[in-house]
Amino acid sequence: MKPETIHEKAFHLLRLLVANHPFVDANKRTALNTTVVFYFLNGYRFSYDTEIRTVPKRFGTDEKAVNTDKTVDYLRSHTDRLELADEIEAWRDDLIQYGIDQLTSNSSDPNG
């Protein structure tokens, strides 16, 4: 079945990144972080808690044990719409401040 909603698409992104094991290590962590970025790029904030961590574990060991509807509902209930312009402006301001701090710092250590 073709994913229609943003949450169904996020579910499949998460599933594919874990179940296909594209990396030697950190597939579950990468899948969760990629899902956060996917949502952000589509105008949502995904704020997950420890409950979601069982889903990637199941994808990695027994993909059929994951309840699609329940997981999509979880994704939906942990996302909020964003105003990207406001988010981008806040990031820009933080980046500018970071640059100013780095330029005016007396530290010779590049790592702070």
Protein backbone atom coordinates (compact mmCIF):
# COMPACT_ATOMS: atom_id res chain seq x y z
CA MET A 1 0.00 0.00 0.00
CA LYS A 2 1.32 3.42 -0.98
CA PRO A 3 1.85 5.79 1.99
CA GLU A 4 -0.44 8.80 1.70
CA THR A 5 0.03 10.90 4.83
CA ILE A 6 3.21 12.49 6.15
CA HIS A 7 3.00 10.09 9.12
CA GLU A 8 2.71 7.00 6.92
CA LYS A 9 5.72 8.22 4.93
CA ALA A 10 7.68 8.79 8.16
CA PHE A 11 6.74 5.27 9.28
CA HIS A 12 8.15 3.76 6.10
CA LEU A 13 11.28 5.90 6.26
CA LEU A 14 11.90 4.67 9.79
CA ARG A 15 11.14 1.08 8.79
CA LEU A 16 13.35 1.05 5.72
CA LEU A 17 16.35 2.60 7.45
CA VAL A 18 16.27 0.05 10.24
CA ALA A 19 15.11 -3.09 8.43
CA ASN A 20 17.52 -2.73 5.49
CA HIS A 21 20.56 -2.24 7.79
CA PRO A 22 22.35 0.26 5.52
CA PHE A 23 25.11 0.86 8.09
CA VAL A 24 27.34 -1.41 10.15
CA ASP A 25 26.21 0.35 13.31
CA ALA A 26 23.69 2.98 14.49
CA ASN A 27 20.83 2.12 12.11
CA LYS A 28 18.14 2.68 14.75
CA ARG A 29 19.64 5.96 15.94
CA THR A 30 20.10 7.14 12.35
CA ALA A 31 16.51 6.18 11.52
CA LEU A 32 15.09 8.18 14.44
CA ASN A 33 17.22 11.23 13.69
CA THR A 34 16.41 11.05 9.99
CA THR A 35 12.72 10.88 10.85
CA VAL A 36 13.09 14.04 12.95
CA VAL A 37 14.76 15.82 10.00
CA PHE A 38 12.17 14.46 7.54
CA TYR A 39 9.36 15.88 9.65
CA PHE A 40 11.15 19.21 10.06
CA LEU A 41 11.71 19.57 6.32
CA ASN A 42 8.00 18.97 5.87
CA GLY A 43 6.92 21.55 8.44
CA TYR A 44 6.56 19.42 11.57
CA ARG A 45 8.38 18.96 14.85
CA PHE A 46 8.66 15.33 15.91
CA SER A 47 9.30 15.04 19.64
CA TYR A 48 9.66 11.39 20.47
CA ASP A 49 10.05 9.76 23.86
CA THR A 50 11.42 6.41 25.00
CA GLU A 51 8.28 4.58 23.89
CA ILE A 52 9.29 4.83 20.21
CA ARG A 53 12.64 3.15 20.84
CA THR A 54 10.97 -0.27 20.89
CA VAL A 55 9.75 0.19 17.29
CA PRO A 56 13.20 0.34 15.63
CA LYS A 57 14.30 -2.61 17.78
CA ARG A 58 11.38 -4.65 16.44
CA PHE A 59 12.07 -3.52 12.87
CA GLY A 60 15.59 -4.82 13.28
CA THR A 61 14.59 -8.21 14.66
CA ASP A 62 10.99 -8.98 13.66
CA GLU A 63 9.54 -6.40 11.27
CA LYS A 64 6.14 -8.15 11.16
CA ALA A 65 5.71 -7.63 14.91
CA VAL A 66 5.39 -3.86 14.41
CA ASN A 67 1.80 -2.66 14.36
CA THR A 68 1.64 -0.15 11.49
CA ASP A 69 -1.53 1.64 12.62
CA LYS A 70 -0.36 1.95 16.23
CA THR A 71 3.04 3.28 15.14
CA VAL A 72 1.52 5.78 12.68
CA ASP A 73 -0.80 6.96 15.47
CA TYR A 74 2.22 7.39 17.74
CA LEU A 75 4.03 9.43 15.08
CA ARG A 76 0.94 11.59 14.54
CA SER A 77 0.47 12.21 18.27
CA HIS A 78 4.12 13.26 18.71
CA THR A 79 4.26 15.82 15.92
CA ASP A 80 3.28 19.46 15.83
CA ARG A 81 3.01 21.82 12.86
CA LEU A 82 5.85 24.32 12.58
CA GLU A 83 6.12 27.75 11.12
CA LEU A 84 9.38 27.13 9.27
CA ALA A 85 10.11 30.81 8.72
CA ASP A 86 10.18 31.35 12.50
CA GLU A 87 12.35 28.26 13.02
CA ILE A 88 14.80 29.27 10.30
CA GLU A 89 15.02 32.80 11.69
CA ALA A 90 15.79 31.45 15.17
CA TRP A 91 18.49 29.14 13.78
CA ARG A 92 19.98 32.00 11.77
CA ASP A 93 20.09 34.23 14.84
CA ASP A 94 21.73 31.44 16.87
CA LEU A 95 24.28 30.82 14.11
CA ILE A 96 25.12 34.52 13.85
CA GLN A 97 25.54 34.74 17.61
CA TYR A 98 27.75 31.65 17.58
CA GLY A 99 29.91 33.21 14.85
CA ILE A 100 30.22 36.46 16.78
CA ASP A 101 31.15 34.55 19.93
CA GLN A 102 33.81 32.61 18.04
CA LEU A 103 35.25 35.74 16.45
CA THR A 104 35.44 37.62 19.73
CA SER A 105 36.70 34.69 21.78
CA ASN A 106 40.23 34.86 23.14
CA SER A 107 40.52 31.09 23.03
CA SER A 108 43.00 29.57 20.62
CA ASP A 109 41.33 26.16 21.02
CA PRO A 110 39.07 25.59 17.96
CA ASN A 111 36.83 23.29 20.01
CA GLY A 112 36.06 25.98 22.54
